[in-house]
Amino acid sequence: MKKILLALFLLTLHFAKADTILFLGDSLTEGLGVSKEEAFPSLVASLIQSELNKNVTVINGGVSGSTTSDGLARLQWYLKKNPSIVFIALGANDGLRGLNLEQSQKNLEEIINHAQEKQAKVLLAGMLMPPNYGPQYTERFKAMYQELAEKYALKSMPFLLEGVAGKKEFNQEDGIHPNAKGHEYIAKSVFEFIKEAL
């Protein structure tokens, strides 16, 4: 009887783990300026339900202003939920603050390593910096994501805001954060990117 109960318990853990996606990010993930329901992680969950007929639990681990260091600091708490997929969308604030990109890359590597140690599949969303930060810093920032994807054999999307950045109809008045329509656009892109991992 004990063996049967243990088997059922392990099976329950397996299914809980398989149905949980962690989106680890900053204000773009959190959905600054829109409701949680309008932010792209919640919309991705709805698309998974409607398009794949699959229920998932989505953890919106986006916190406004987060750097890679901040994401790393709170990762262990999220990993207690045993996500099967960890979608990393961090680094924009590091770049905008002109932080040392070597340290940023190390932080992202630690996040990847911790997630993989928990048997989670890691997906990486790249970011881009505006050209006014100078060509050297901008190129180094872009290369950071490419290097991580190659080193850890990660599936990655080159730019989370592809098709949204710089387009007035998809952004709030600050020109940085997506509006509800922008999040819808991002959600469709992320869904297409993530569905193979499901």
Protein backbone atom coordinates (compact mmCIF):
# COMPACT_ATOMS: atom_id res chain seq x y z
CA MET A 1 0.00 0.00 0.00
CA LYS A 2 2.82 2.38 0.88
CA LYS A 3 4.47 1.71 -2.48
CA ILE A 4 1.24 2.51 -4.31
CA LEU A 5 0.81 5.76 -2.39
CA LEU A 6 4.42 6.71 -3.11
CA ALA A 7 3.95 5.99 -6.80
CA LEU A 8 0.79 8.13 -6.89
CA PHE A 9 2.58 10.93 -5.05
CA LEU A 10 5.49 10.88 -7.51
CA LEU A 11 3.05 10.82 -10.41
CA THR A 12 1.28 13.86 -9.00
CA LEU A 13 4.59 15.69 -8.70
CA HIS A 14 5.42 14.80 -12.28
CA PHE A 15 2.18 16.24 -13.63
CA ALA A 16 2.40 19.35 -11.50
CA LYS A 17 5.92 19.97 -12.75
CA ALA A 18 5.01 19.32 -16.39
CA ASP A 19 2.24 21.90 -16.30
CA THR A 20 4.10 24.86 -14.81
CA ILE A 21 5.88 27.60 -16.77
CA LEU A 22 7.94 30.28 -15.04
CA PHE A 23 8.37 33.58 -16.88
CA LEU A 24 11.32 35.25 -15.16
CA GLY A 25 11.62 38.87 -16.20
CA ASP A 26 11.22 42.56 -15.52
CA SER A 27 8.47 45.13 -16.20
CA LEU A 28 7.99 43.80 -19.74
CA THR A 29 7.02 40.42 -18.28
CA GLU A 30 5.15 41.81 -15.29
CA GLY A 31 3.01 43.92 -17.60
CA LEU A 32 3.70 47.40 -16.30
CA GLY A 33 0.80 49.66 -17.26
CA VAL A 34 -1.60 46.82 -18.10
CA SER A 35 -3.45 44.31 -15.94
CA LYS A 36 -1.91 40.93 -15.05
CA GLU A 37 -4.50 39.32 -17.31
CA GLU A 38 -3.35 41.49 -20.23
CA ALA A 39 0.36 40.77 -19.72
CA PHE A 40 1.85 38.35 -22.23
CA PRO A 41 2.49 35.41 -19.79
CA SER A 42 -1.23 35.19 -18.99
CA LEU A 43 -2.11 35.51 -22.68
CA VAL A 44 0.34 32.72 -23.54
CA ALA A 45 -1.44 30.45 -21.05
CA SER A 46 -4.76 31.25 -22.76
CA LEU A 47 -3.28 30.45 -26.17
CA ILE A 48 -1.90 27.15 -24.91
CA GLN A 49 -5.37 26.29 -23.63
CA SER A 50 -7.21 27.32 -26.80
CA GLU A 51 -4.69 26.18 -29.42
CA LEU A 52 -3.21 23.08 -27.79
CA ASN A 53 -6.10 22.14 -25.49
CA LYS A 54 -3.62 21.96 -22.64
CA ASN A 55 -3.93 23.48 -19.18
CA VAL A 56 -0.79 25.06 -17.74
CA THR A 57 0.05 26.99 -14.62
CA VAL A 58 1.91 30.18 -15.44
CA ILE A 59 4.05 31.93 -12.85
CA ASN A 60 4.55 35.56 -13.78
CA GLY A 61 7.97 36.18 -12.25
CA GLY A 62 8.27 39.64 -13.74
CA VAL A 63 9.16 42.48 -11.39
CA SER A 64 9.56 46.06 -12.62
CA GLY A 65 13.12 47.32 -12.56
CA SER A 66 14.63 43.86 -12.23
CA THR A 67 18.18 43.28 -13.36
CA THR A 68 19.75 39.89 -13.96
CA SER A 69 21.06 40.06 -10.40
CA ASP A 70 17.55 40.64 -9.03
CA GLY A 71 16.20 37.74 -11.07
CA LEU A 72 18.89 35.45 -9.76
CA ALA A 73 18.19 36.53 -6.16
CA ARG A 74 14.53 35.51 -6.32
CA LEU A 75 14.92 32.46 -8.56
CA GLN A 76 15.19 29.89 -5.76
CA TRP A 77 11.79 30.87 -4.41
CA TYR A 78 10.21 30.33 -7.82
CA LEU A 79 12.00 27.02 -8.33
CA LYS A 80 10.20 25.64 -5.27
CA LYS A 81 7.16 25.49 -7.58
CA ASN A 82 9.06 22.98 -9.76
CA PRO A 83 8.48 24.60 -13.15
CA SER A 84 9.12 22.36 -16.13
CA ILE A 85 9.91 25.38 -18.30
CA VAL A 86 11.81 28.52 -17.29
CA PHE A 87 11.47 31.36 -19.80
CA ILE A 88 14.17 33.96 -19.11
CA ALA A 89 13.49 37.53 -20.24
CA LEU A 90 16.04 39.54 -18.30
CA GLY A 91 18.84 41.95 -19.06
CA ALA A 92 17.10 45.04 -20.43
CA ASN A 93 17.56 46.97 -17.18
CA ASP A 94 21.22 45.92 -16.98
CA GLY A 95 21.74 47.43 -20.40
CA LEU A 96 19.73 50.58 -19.79
CA ARG A 97 21.75 51.21 -16.63
CA GLY A 98 25.02 50.54 -18.43
CA LEU A 99 25.95 47.72 -16.04
CA ASN A 100 28.98 45.49 -16.54
CA LEU A 101 27.84 42.94 -19.10
CA GLU A 102 30.35 40.32 -17.98
CA GLN A 103 28.59 40.24 -14.63
CA SER A 104 25.19 40.27 -16.32
CA GLN A 105 26.20 37.26 -18.37
CA LYS A 106 27.44 35.45 -15.26
CA ASN A 107 24.11 36.13 -13.55
CA LEU A 108 22.22 34.70 -16.50
CA GLU A 109 24.49 31.67 -16.51
CA GLU A 110 23.73 31.05 -12.85
CA ILE A 111 20.01 31.32 -13.53
CA ILE A 112 20.33 28.81 -16.37
CA ASN A 113 22.40 26.42 -14.26
CA HIS A 114 20.02 26.52 -11.28
CA ALA A 115 17.01 25.93 -13.51
CA GLN A 116 18.67 23.05 -15.34
CA GLU A 117 19.70 21.48 -12.04
CA LYS A 118 15.99 21.36 -11.25
CA GLN A 119 15.44 19.56 -14.57
CA ALA A 120 13.61 22.54 -16.06
CA LYS A 121 13.82 23.27 -19.77
CA VAL A 122 15.30 26.73 -20.20
CA LEU A 123 14.17 29.09 -22.96
CA LEU A 124 15.91 32.40 -23.53
CA ALA A 125 14.49 35.67 -24.83
CA GLY A 126 17.07 38.09 -26.13
CA MET A 127 16.97 41.86 -25.77
CA LEU A 128 18.45 44.71 -27.80
CA MET A 129 19.77 48.10 -26.77
CA PRO A 130 19.01 51.42 -28.50
CA PRO A 131 21.85 52.64 -30.75
CA ASN A 132 22.52 55.69 -28.55
CA TYR A 133 24.38 53.42 -26.12
CA GLY A 134 27.20 53.18 -28.64
CA PRO A 135 27.98 50.43 -31.14
CA GLN A 136 30.45 48.57 -28.92
CA TYR A 137 28.10 48.23 -25.93
CA THR A 138 25.10 47.53 -28.16
CA GLU A 139 26.86 44.73 -30.03
CA ARG A 140 28.28 43.24 -26.85
CA PHE A 141 24.81 43.25 -25.31
CA LYS A 142 23.32 41.43 -28.29
CA ALA A 143 26.18 38.92 -28.36
CA MET A 144 25.62 38.06 -24.67
CA TYR A 145 22.41 36.22 -25.49
CA GLN A 146 23.86 34.53 -28.55
CA GLU A 147 26.80 33.22 -26.52
CA LEU A 148 24.53 31.88 -23.78
CA ALA A 149 22.26 30.15 -26.27
CA GLU A 150 25.23 28.48 -27.96
CA LYS A 151 27.02 27.52 -24.74
CA TYR A 152 23.96 25.90 -23.16
CA ALA A 153 22.30 24.72 -26.39
CA LEU A 154 19.20 26.76 -25.56
CA LYS A 155 16.28 27.49 -27.80
CA SER A 156 16.20 31.28 -27.97
CA MET A 157 14.24 34.07 -29.57
CA PRO A 158 16.56 36.88 -30.68
CA PHE A 159 14.40 39.79 -29.48
CA LEU A 160 11.38 39.60 -27.18
CA LEU A 161 9.95 42.86 -28.54
CA GLU A 162 10.35 41.99 -32.23
CA GLY A 163 7.53 43.66 -34.15
CA VAL A 164 6.55 45.76 -31.13
CA ALA A 165 9.55 47.97 -30.27
CA GLY A 166 9.37 51.39 -31.88
CA LYS A 167 5.77 50.99 -33.04
CA LYS A 168 3.49 53.60 -31.51
CA GLU A 169 0.32 51.52 -31.82
CA PHE A 170 1.83 48.76 -29.67
CA ASN A 171 3.37 50.87 -26.93
CA GLN A 172 2.36 53.10 -24.05
CA GLU A 173 3.20 56.79 -24.02
CA ASP A 174 6.69 56.13 -22.62
CA GLY A 175 7.57 54.37 -25.88
CA ILE A 176 9.18 51.54 -23.89
CA HIS A 177 6.46 49.41 -22.34
CA PRO A 178 3.95 47.58 -24.53
CA ASN A 179 0.26 48.38 -24.24
CA ALA A 180 -2.44 45.70 -24.27
CA LYS A 181 -2.17 45.31 -28.07
CA GLY A 182 1.59 45.04 -27.78
CA HIS A 183 1.28 42.27 -25.21
CA GLU A 184 -1.11 40.43 -27.51
CA TYR A 185 1.49 40.60 -30.28
CA ILE A 186 4.27 39.41 -27.96
CA ALA A 187 2.08 36.59 -26.63
CA LYS A 188 1.52 35.21 -30.11
CA SER A 189 5.26 35.28 -30.83
CA VAL A 190 6.12 33.67 -27.48
CA PHE A 191 3.43 31.02 -27.94
CA GLU A 192 4.85 30.02 -31.33
CA PHE A 193 8.30 29.95 -29.79
CA ILE A 194 7.36 27.98 -26.68
CA LYS A 195 4.84 25.44 -27.95
CA GLU A 196 7.45 22.92 -29.10
CA ALA A 197 8.78 22.76 -25.55
CA LEU A 198 5.35 21.64 -24.36
